[in-house]
């Protein structure tokens, strides 16, 4: 059986697995041990924040556990707006792929501008640098930093509009 265009897009995109959209994935208590057995370091300390950090080590250009019984419920539950619109025939596969490619292009422009950080997640590094620059104040920013903030705002708006990600950690369903 072949994948639907939406499932194909989902498995090929990876923005929700790569640390670009989210900094961590929430897990339910029964998922902790099976996910840990797959080699993922899980966070167990706080029941409100059980999960694992992004990028997912099981993302290798495609999700390596997409069809596994251990595939996290949070991962299965999340369907970005692009996925849903493609599923509803509101977007064609080429249009959906174009949105993904444009988003990846925006990320590729911003990523080299981020300072070194102990945070592995692109999303964490992006938000930390954005907040640092905003704390310095708009009036004291050089042109390069102002352009960076504009690019970040454009990317975050894209995350909201096309991926349903409207804050730092969670998404709206």
N, C-alpha and C. Protein backbone atom coordinates (compact mmCIF):
# COMPACT_ATOMS: atom_id res chain seq x y z
N UNK A 1 0.85 -1.18 0.00
CA UNK A 1 0.00 0.00 0.00
C UNK A 1 0.89 1.24 0.00
N UNK A 2 0.53 2.23 -0.81
CA UNK A 2 1.33 3.45 -0.88
C UNK A 2 0.79 4.48 0.10
N UNK A 3 1.67 5.38 0.50
CA UNK A 3 1.30 6.45 1.42
C UNK A 3 0.44 7.48 0.70
N UNK A 4 -0.42 8.12 1.47
CA UNK A 4 -1.15 9.27 0.94
C UNK A 4 -0.14 10.39 0.76
N UNK A 5 -0.45 11.38 -0.08
CA UNK A 5 0.47 12.52 -0.23
C UNK A 5 0.78 13.20 1.11
N UNK A 6 -0.23 13.28 1.99
CA UNK A 6 -0.01 13.93 3.29
C UNK A 6 0.97 13.12 4.14
N UNK A 7 0.82 11.80 4.19
CA UNK A 7 1.75 10.98 4.96
C UNK A 7 3.15 11.00 4.36
N UNK A 8 3.23 11.01 3.04
CA UNK A 8 4.53 11.10 2.38
C UNK A 8 5.21 12.42 2.76
N UNK A 9 4.46 13.51 2.70
CA UNK A 9 5.00 14.82 3.07
C UNK A 9 5.47 14.81 4.52
N UNK A 10 4.66 14.26 5.40
CA UNK A 10 4.96 14.22 6.82
C UNK A 10 6.28 13.50 7.08
N UNK A 11 6.42 12.32 6.50
CA UNK A 11 7.63 11.52 6.74
C UNK A 11 8.86 12.15 6.10
N UNK A 12 8.68 12.95 5.07
CA UNK A 12 9.82 13.56 4.37
C UNK A 12 10.20 14.93 4.93
N UNK A 13 9.25 15.64 5.52
CA UNK A 13 9.48 17.01 5.98
C UNK A 13 10.42 17.07 7.18
N UNK A 14 9.98 16.54 8.30
CA UNK A 14 10.81 16.45 9.49
C UNK A 14 10.98 17.70 10.33
N UNK A 15 10.32 18.79 9.99
CA UNK A 15 10.49 20.01 10.78
C UNK A 15 10.05 19.82 12.23
N UNK A 16 9.09 18.95 12.46
CA UNK A 16 8.65 18.71 13.84
C UNK A 16 9.57 17.73 14.56
N UNK A 17 10.46 17.07 13.84
CA UNK A 17 11.40 16.10 14.44
C UNK A 17 12.81 16.68 14.62
N UNK A 18 13.13 17.68 13.84
CA UNK A 18 14.50 18.17 13.74
C UNK A 18 14.88 19.24 14.75
N UNK A 19 13.94 19.65 15.59
CA UNK A 19 14.23 20.71 16.55
C UNK A 19 13.97 22.09 15.99
N UNK A 20 13.43 22.17 14.78
CA UNK A 20 13.15 23.47 14.19
C UNK A 20 11.82 24.05 14.67
N UNK A 21 10.81 23.21 14.84
CA UNK A 21 9.52 23.68 15.32
C UNK A 21 9.37 23.58 16.83
N UNK A 22 9.90 22.50 17.41
CA UNK A 22 9.73 22.24 18.83
C UNK A 22 11.07 21.96 19.49
N UNK A 23 11.13 22.23 20.79
CA UNK A 23 12.35 21.94 21.53
C UNK A 23 12.26 20.60 22.26
N UNK A 24 11.04 20.08 22.42
CA UNK A 24 10.88 18.79 23.09
C UNK A 24 9.55 18.17 22.70
N UNK A 25 9.41 16.88 22.98
CA UNK A 25 8.19 16.12 22.69
C UNK A 25 7.66 15.54 23.99
N UNK A 26 6.40 15.74 24.23
CA UNK A 26 5.73 15.24 25.43
C UNK A 26 5.47 13.74 25.28
N UNK A 27 5.71 12.99 26.35
CA UNK A 27 5.41 11.55 26.36
C UNK A 27 4.48 11.24 27.52
N UNK A 28 3.62 10.25 27.34
CA UNK A 28 2.80 9.73 28.42
C UNK A 28 3.63 8.72 29.20
N UNK A 29 3.29 8.51 30.46
CA UNK A 29 4.06 7.60 31.32
C UNK A 29 4.31 6.23 30.69
N UNK A 30 3.31 5.58 30.07
CA UNK A 30 3.57 4.26 29.50
C UNK A 30 4.53 4.28 28.29
N UNK A 31 4.77 5.44 27.74
CA UNK A 31 5.67 5.54 26.58
C UNK A 31 7.14 5.68 26.96
N UNK A 32 7.41 6.04 28.20
CA UNK A 32 8.78 6.36 28.60
C UNK A 32 9.74 5.19 28.39
N UNK A 33 9.41 4.02 28.90
CA UNK A 33 10.31 2.87 28.77
C UNK A 33 10.49 2.41 27.32
N UNK A 34 9.41 2.25 26.53
CA UNK A 34 9.62 1.84 25.14
C UNK A 34 10.45 2.83 24.33
N UNK A 35 10.25 4.11 24.57
CA UNK A 35 11.03 5.13 23.84
C UNK A 35 12.48 5.08 24.29
N UNK A 36 12.70 4.92 25.59
CA UNK A 36 14.06 4.84 26.11
C UNK A 36 14.79 3.62 25.53
N UNK A 37 14.07 2.52 25.36
CA UNK A 37 14.68 1.31 24.79
C UNK A 37 15.11 1.52 23.34
N UNK A 38 14.54 2.52 22.67
CA UNK A 38 14.94 2.84 21.30
C UNK A 38 16.21 3.70 21.26
N UNK A 39 16.71 4.07 22.44
CA UNK A 39 17.93 4.85 22.50
C UNK A 39 17.72 6.34 22.71
N UNK A 40 16.52 6.73 23.02
CA UNK A 40 16.23 8.15 23.27
C UNK A 40 16.32 8.41 24.76
N UNK A 41 17.05 9.45 25.13
CA UNK A 41 17.14 9.85 26.53
C UNK A 41 15.85 10.58 26.91
N UNK A 42 15.11 9.99 27.82
CA UNK A 42 13.83 10.58 28.21
C UNK A 42 13.97 11.43 29.46
N UNK A 43 13.06 12.39 29.58
CA UNK A 43 12.99 13.28 30.74
C UNK A 43 11.84 12.76 31.60
N UNK A 44 12.15 12.42 32.84
CA UNK A 44 11.15 11.83 33.74
C UNK A 44 10.89 12.67 34.98
N UNK A 45 11.70 13.66 35.26
CA UNK A 45 11.68 14.38 36.52
C UNK A 45 10.33 14.99 36.89
N UNK A 46 9.69 15.64 35.95
CA UNK A 46 8.46 16.37 36.22
C UNK A 46 7.34 15.75 35.39
N UNK A 47 6.29 15.22 36.03
CA UNK A 47 5.21 14.58 35.28
C UNK A 47 4.56 15.50 34.24
N UNK A 48 4.66 16.81 34.45
CA UNK A 48 4.09 17.76 33.49
C UNK A 48 4.98 17.96 32.28
N UNK A 49 6.24 17.53 32.39
CA UNK A 49 7.18 17.72 31.29
C UNK A 49 7.93 16.43 30.97
N UNK A 50 7.24 15.32 31.00
CA UNK A 50 7.86 14.06 30.60
C UNK A 50 7.98 14.04 29.09
N UNK A 51 9.13 13.61 28.61
CA UNK A 51 9.30 13.55 27.16
C UNK A 51 10.75 13.40 26.79
N UNK A 52 11.09 13.94 25.63
CA UNK A 52 12.48 13.95 25.18
C UNK A 52 12.73 15.21 24.38
N UNK A 53 13.99 15.61 24.36
CA UNK A 53 14.34 16.85 23.69
C UNK A 53 14.53 16.62 22.19
N UNK A 54 14.41 17.69 21.47
CA UNK A 54 14.62 17.69 20.03
C UNK A 54 16.02 18.21 19.74
N UNK A 55 16.65 17.87 18.67
CA UNK A 55 16.11 17.04 17.59
C UNK A 55 16.02 15.58 18.01
N UNK A 56 15.06 14.90 17.41
CA UNK A 56 14.84 13.49 17.72
C UNK A 56 15.98 12.66 17.12
N UNK A 57 16.63 11.84 17.92
CA UNK A 57 17.73 11.03 17.40
C UNK A 57 17.26 9.94 16.42
N UNK A 58 15.95 9.73 16.34
CA UNK A 58 15.42 8.73 15.41
C UNK A 58 15.02 9.33 14.07
N UNK A 59 15.27 10.62 13.90
CA UNK A 59 15.06 11.29 12.62
C UNK A 59 16.36 11.16 11.83
N UNK A 60 16.27 10.56 10.67
CA UNK A 60 17.44 10.36 9.82
C UNK A 60 17.07 10.67 8.37
N UNK A 61 16.60 11.89 8.14
CA UNK A 61 16.11 12.25 6.82
C UNK A 61 14.68 11.78 6.61
N UNK A 62 14.22 10.93 7.47
CA UNK A 62 12.85 10.43 7.55
C UNK A 62 12.70 9.84 8.95
N UNK A 63 11.48 9.77 9.41
CA UNK A 63 11.24 9.19 10.73
C UNK A 63 11.48 7.68 10.63
N UNK A 64 12.35 7.18 11.49
CA UNK A 64 12.68 5.76 11.45
C UNK A 64 11.71 4.88 12.24
N UNK A 65 10.77 5.52 12.99
CA UNK A 65 9.80 4.73 13.76
C UNK A 65 8.36 5.11 13.43
N UNK A 66 8.14 5.77 12.32
CA UNK A 66 6.81 6.27 11.94
C UNK A 66 5.74 5.18 12.01
N UNK A 67 6.06 3.99 11.59
CA UNK A 67 5.07 2.90 11.58
C UNK A 67 5.23 1.94 12.76
N UNK A 68 6.12 2.27 13.70
CA UNK A 68 6.38 1.41 14.85
C UNK A 68 5.29 1.56 15.91
N UNK A 69 5.08 0.50 16.68
CA UNK A 69 4.15 0.57 17.82
C UNK A 69 4.66 1.54 18.89
N UNK A 70 5.95 1.85 18.86
CA UNK A 70 6.54 2.76 19.84
C UNK A 70 6.46 4.23 19.41
N UNK A 71 5.90 4.50 18.23
CA UNK A 71 5.77 5.88 17.75
C UNK A 71 4.98 6.68 18.77
N UNK A 72 5.56 7.76 19.33
CA UNK A 72 4.89 8.50 20.40
C UNK A 72 3.54 9.07 19.99
N UNK A 73 2.61 9.03 20.92
CA UNK A 73 1.27 9.56 20.66
C UNK A 73 1.31 11.04 20.30
N UNK A 74 2.18 11.81 20.94
CA UNK A 74 2.29 13.23 20.62
C UNK A 74 2.71 13.44 19.17
N UNK A 75 3.60 12.59 18.71
CA UNK A 75 4.04 12.68 17.31
C UNK A 75 2.89 12.32 16.37
N UNK A 76 2.17 11.27 16.71
CA UNK A 76 1.05 10.83 15.87
C UNK A 76 -0.08 11.86 15.87
N UNK A 77 -0.26 12.51 16.99
CA UNK A 77 -1.35 13.48 17.14
C UNK A 77 -1.08 14.78 16.38
N UNK A 78 0.17 15.18 16.34
CA UNK A 78 0.49 16.46 15.69
C UNK A 78 0.36 16.35 14.17
N UNK A 79 -0.45 17.21 13.64
CA UNK A 79 -0.59 17.34 12.19
C UNK A 79 -0.53 18.83 11.89
N UNK A 80 0.52 19.23 11.22
CA UNK A 80 0.67 20.66 10.92
C UNK A 80 -0.43 21.10 9.96
N UNK A 81 -0.58 22.39 9.82
CA UNK A 81 -1.59 22.95 8.93
C UNK A 81 -1.35 22.54 7.48
N UNK A 82 -0.09 22.42 7.08
CA UNK A 82 0.22 22.00 5.71
C UNK A 82 -0.29 20.58 5.50
N UNK A 83 -0.02 19.69 6.44
CA UNK A 83 -0.49 18.30 6.37
C UNK A 83 -2.02 18.27 6.26
N UNK A 84 -2.70 19.00 7.16
CA UNK A 84 -4.16 18.98 7.16
C UNK A 84 -4.74 19.55 5.88
N UNK A 85 -4.16 20.63 5.37
CA UNK A 85 -4.66 21.22 4.12
C UNK A 85 -4.42 20.28 2.94
N UNK A 86 -3.30 19.59 2.94
CA UNK A 86 -3.03 18.62 1.88
C UNK A 86 -4.01 17.45 1.98
N UNK A 87 -4.24 17.00 3.19
CA UNK A 87 -5.18 15.91 3.43
C UNK A 87 -6.61 16.27 2.99
N UNK A 88 -6.95 17.56 3.17
CA UNK A 88 -8.29 18.06 2.81
C UNK A 88 -8.38 18.52 1.36
N UNK A 89 -7.33 18.29 0.58
CA UNK A 89 -7.26 18.74 -0.82
C UNK A 89 -7.37 20.25 -0.97
N UNK A 90 -6.97 20.97 0.06
CA UNK A 90 -6.93 22.43 0.01
C UNK A 90 -5.58 22.91 -0.53
N UNK A 91 -4.60 22.02 -0.58
CA UNK A 91 -3.27 22.27 -1.15
C UNK A 91 -2.92 21.10 -2.06
N UNK A 92 -2.23 21.39 -3.13
CA UNK A 92 -1.72 20.30 -3.97
C UNK A 92 -0.38 19.84 -3.39
N UNK A 93 0.05 18.62 -3.71
CA UNK A 93 1.37 18.19 -3.24
C UNK A 93 2.50 19.14 -3.63
N UNK A 94 2.55 19.68 -4.86
CA UNK A 94 3.62 20.64 -5.17
C UNK A 94 3.54 21.92 -4.33
N UNK A 95 2.32 22.39 -4.04
CA UNK A 95 2.18 23.58 -3.19
C UNK A 95 2.68 23.29 -1.78
N UNK A 96 2.32 22.13 -1.25
CA UNK A 96 2.75 21.75 0.10
C UNK A 96 4.27 21.62 0.16
N UNK A 97 4.85 20.96 -0.83
CA UNK A 97 6.31 20.83 -0.87
C UNK A 97 6.99 22.18 -0.99
N UNK A 98 6.38 23.09 -1.71
CA UNK A 98 6.93 24.44 -1.85
C UNK A 98 6.95 25.16 -0.50
N UNK A 99 5.88 25.03 0.26
CA UNK A 99 5.83 25.65 1.59
C UNK A 99 6.93 25.09 2.48
N UNK A 100 7.11 23.77 2.44
CA UNK A 100 8.17 23.15 3.24
C UNK A 100 9.53 23.65 2.79
N UNK A 101 9.76 23.68 1.48
CA UNK A 101 11.06 24.11 0.95
C UNK A 101 11.35 25.56 1.30
N UNK A 102 10.35 26.43 1.18
CA UNK A 102 10.54 27.84 1.52
C UNK A 102 10.86 27.99 3.01
N UNK A 103 10.22 27.19 3.84
CA UNK A 103 10.49 27.23 5.28
C UNK A 103 11.93 26.78 5.55
N UNK A 104 12.34 25.70 4.92
CA UNK A 104 13.71 25.21 5.08
C UNK A 104 14.72 26.25 4.59
N UNK A 105 14.41 26.94 3.51
CA UNK A 105 15.29 28.00 3.02
C UNK A 105 15.43 29.13 4.03
N UNK A 106 14.31 29.50 4.66
CA UNK A 106 14.35 30.55 5.69
C UNK A 106 15.23 30.10 6.86
N UNK A 107 15.08 28.85 7.26
CA UNK A 107 15.87 28.30 8.37
C UNK A 107 17.36 28.32 8.00
N UNK A 108 17.68 27.91 6.78
CA UNK A 108 19.09 27.88 6.33
C UNK A 108 19.71 29.26 6.32
N UNK A 109 18.91 30.30 6.09
CA UNK A 109 19.43 31.67 6.12
C UNK A 109 19.69 32.13 7.55
N UNK A 110 18.85 31.70 8.47
CA UNK A 110 18.94 32.16 9.87
C UNK A 110 19.96 31.36 10.68
N UNK A 111 19.99 30.06 10.47
CA UNK A 111 20.79 29.17 11.33
C UNK A 111 22.26 29.60 11.47
N UNK A 112 22.95 29.98 10.39
CA UNK A 112 24.35 30.37 10.56
C UNK A 112 24.54 31.67 11.35
N UNK A 113 23.47 32.43 11.53
CA UNK A 113 23.55 33.69 12.25
C UNK A 113 23.37 33.52 13.76
N UNK A 114 23.00 32.31 14.17
CA UNK A 114 22.81 32.06 15.60
C UNK A 114 24.15 31.86 16.29
N UNK A 115 24.32 32.45 17.46
CA UNK A 115 25.57 32.24 18.19
C UNK A 115 25.68 30.80 18.69
N UNK A 116 26.89 30.40 18.99
CA UNK A 116 27.12 29.07 19.57
C UNK A 116 26.35 28.99 20.88
N UNK A 117 25.85 27.79 21.17
CA UNK A 117 25.05 27.61 22.37
C UNK A 117 25.12 26.15 22.80
N UNK A 118 24.89 25.93 24.08
CA UNK A 118 24.84 24.54 24.56
C UNK A 118 23.51 23.89 24.18
N UNK A 119 22.52 24.69 23.81
CA UNK A 119 21.23 24.16 23.38
C UNK A 119 21.39 23.52 22.00
N UNK A 120 20.85 22.34 21.85
CA UNK A 120 20.95 21.62 20.58
C UNK A 120 19.81 22.01 19.65
N UNK A 121 18.66 22.28 20.20
CA UNK A 121 17.46 22.59 19.42
C UNK A 121 17.60 23.95 18.74
N UNK A 122 17.36 23.97 17.44
CA UNK A 122 17.33 25.23 16.68
C UNK A 122 16.33 26.18 17.32
N UNK A 123 15.17 25.66 17.67
CA UNK A 123 14.10 26.49 18.24
C UNK A 123 14.57 27.18 19.52
N UNK A 124 15.23 26.44 20.39
CA UNK A 124 15.74 27.02 21.64
C UNK A 124 16.78 28.10 21.37
N UNK A 125 17.71 27.80 20.47
CA UNK A 125 18.76 28.78 20.14
C UNK A 125 18.16 30.03 19.50
N UNK A 126 17.18 29.83 18.64
CA UNK A 126 16.52 30.94 17.95
C UNK A 126 15.83 31.86 18.94
N UNK A 127 15.02 31.28 19.81
CA UNK A 127 14.26 32.08 20.78
C UNK A 127 15.20 32.78 21.75
N UNK A 128 16.23 32.09 22.21
CA UNK A 128 17.18 32.70 23.17
C UNK A 128 17.87 33.91 22.54
N UNK A 129 18.32 33.77 21.31
CA UNK A 129 19.02 34.90 20.65
C UNK A 129 18.04 36.04 20.34
N UNK A 130 16.85 35.69 19.94
CA UNK A 130 15.82 36.71 19.66
C UNK A 130 15.54 37.51 20.93
N UNK A 131 15.33 36.81 22.05
CA UNK A 131 15.03 37.49 23.31
C UNK A 131 16.20 38.34 23.78
N UNK A 132 17.42 37.85 23.56
CA UNK A 132 18.61 38.60 23.94
C UNK A 132 18.69 39.91 23.15
N UNK A 133 18.47 39.85 21.86
CA UNK A 133 18.51 41.06 21.03
C UNK A 133 17.38 42.01 21.38
N UNK A 134 16.20 41.48 21.63
CA UNK A 134 15.06 42.34 21.98
C UNK A 134 15.29 43.02 23.33
N UNK A 135 15.98 42.35 24.24
CA UNK A 135 16.29 42.95 25.55
C UNK A 135 17.26 44.12 25.40
N UNK A 136 18.12 44.05 24.38
CA UNK A 136 19.04 45.16 24.12
C UNK A 136 18.30 46.40 23.64
N UNK A 137 17.13 46.20 23.06
CA UNK A 137 16.32 47.34 22.63
C UNK A 137 16.46 47.62 21.15
N UNK A 138 15.34 47.97 20.54
CA UNK A 138 15.29 48.23 19.11
C UNK A 138 16.18 49.40 18.70
N UNK A 139 16.24 50.44 19.49
CA UNK A 139 17.01 51.62 19.13
C UNK A 139 18.50 51.40 19.08
N UNK A 140 19.00 50.43 19.83
CA UNK A 140 20.45 50.22 19.89
C UNK A 140 20.94 49.08 19.01
N UNK A 141 20.06 48.48 18.22
CA UNK A 141 20.45 47.37 17.37
C UNK A 141 21.14 47.86 16.10
N UNK A 142 22.16 47.11 15.67
CA UNK A 142 22.76 47.45 14.39
C UNK A 142 21.86 46.90 13.28
N UNK A 143 22.16 47.26 12.04
CA UNK A 143 21.32 46.87 10.91
C UNK A 143 21.26 45.35 10.75
N UNK A 144 22.37 44.68 11.00
CA UNK A 144 22.42 43.23 10.87
C UNK A 144 21.49 42.55 11.88
N UNK A 145 21.53 43.02 13.13
CA UNK A 145 20.66 42.45 14.15
C UNK A 145 19.19 42.76 13.86
N UNK A 146 18.91 43.95 13.35
CA UNK A 146 17.53 44.31 12.99
C UNK A 146 17.02 43.41 11.86
N UNK A 147 17.87 43.13 10.86
CA UNK A 147 17.48 42.23 9.77
C UNK A 147 17.26 40.81 10.31
N UNK A 148 18.13 40.38 11.25
CA UNK A 148 17.98 39.07 11.86
C UNK A 148 16.62 38.96 12.54
N UNK A 149 16.27 39.96 13.36
CA UNK A 149 15.00 39.93 14.07
C UNK A 149 13.81 39.92 13.11
N UNK A 150 13.92 40.65 12.02
CA UNK A 150 12.85 40.65 11.01
C UNK A 150 12.72 39.26 10.39
N UNK A 151 13.85 38.62 10.07
CA UNK A 151 13.82 37.27 9.49
C UNK A 151 13.24 36.27 10.49
N UNK A 152 13.58 36.42 11.76
CA UNK A 152 13.05 35.53 12.80
C UNK A 152 11.54 35.73 12.93
N UNK A 153 11.10 36.98 12.94
CA UNK A 153 9.66 37.23 13.03
C UNK A 153 8.92 36.61 11.84
N UNK A 154 9.49 36.74 10.65
CA UNK A 154 8.89 36.13 9.46
C UNK A 154 8.81 34.61 9.60
N UNK A 155 9.88 34.00 10.11
CA UNK A 155 9.89 32.55 10.30
C UNK A 155 8.87 32.13 11.35
N UNK A 156 8.83 32.82 12.47
CA UNK A 156 7.87 32.47 13.52
C UNK A 156 6.43 32.66 13.06
N UNK A 157 6.18 33.68 12.26
CA UNK A 157 4.84 33.86 11.68
C UNK A 157 4.52 32.70 10.74
N UNK A 158 5.49 32.25 10.00
CA UNK A 158 5.31 31.10 9.10
C UNK A 158 5.01 29.84 9.92
N UNK A 159 5.74 29.67 11.03
CA UNK A 159 5.47 28.53 11.92
C UNK A 159 4.01 28.56 12.37
N UNK A 160 3.54 29.72 12.74
CA UNK A 160 2.16 29.87 13.21
C UNK A 160 1.18 29.60 12.07
N UNK A 161 1.39 30.24 10.92
CA UNK A 161 0.45 30.15 9.80
C UNK A 161 0.42 28.78 9.12
N UNK A 162 1.55 28.13 8.97
CA UNK A 162 1.61 26.90 8.21
C UNK A 162 1.77 25.64 9.06
N UNK A 163 2.21 25.79 10.30
CA UNK A 163 2.49 24.61 11.11
C UNK A 163 1.71 24.59 12.42
N UNK A 164 0.95 25.65 12.70
CA UNK A 164 0.13 25.69 13.90
C UNK A 164 0.94 25.80 15.17
N UNK A 165 2.17 26.26 15.06
CA UNK A 165 3.05 26.40 16.22
C UNK A 165 3.04 27.87 16.61
N UNK A 166 2.33 28.17 17.70
CA UNK A 166 2.18 29.58 18.05
C UNK A 166 2.88 29.98 19.34
N UNK A 167 3.61 29.07 19.94
CA UNK A 167 4.47 29.48 21.05
C UNK A 167 5.69 28.59 21.10
N UNK A 168 6.49 28.77 22.11
CA UNK A 168 7.81 28.15 22.16
C UNK A 168 7.79 26.63 22.22
N UNK A 169 6.88 26.05 22.97
CA UNK A 169 6.93 24.61 23.21
C UNK A 169 5.79 23.86 22.53
N UNK A 170 4.58 24.31 22.71
CA UNK A 170 3.43 23.53 22.27
C UNK A 170 2.85 24.04 20.98
N UNK A 171 1.88 23.31 20.49
CA UNK A 171 1.20 23.66 19.26
C UNK A 171 -0.28 23.67 19.50
N UNK A 172 -0.99 24.35 18.62
CA UNK A 172 -2.45 24.34 18.72
C UNK A 172 -2.97 23.27 17.77
N UNK A 173 -3.94 22.54 18.22
CA UNK A 173 -4.46 21.44 17.43
C UNK A 173 -5.79 21.80 16.84
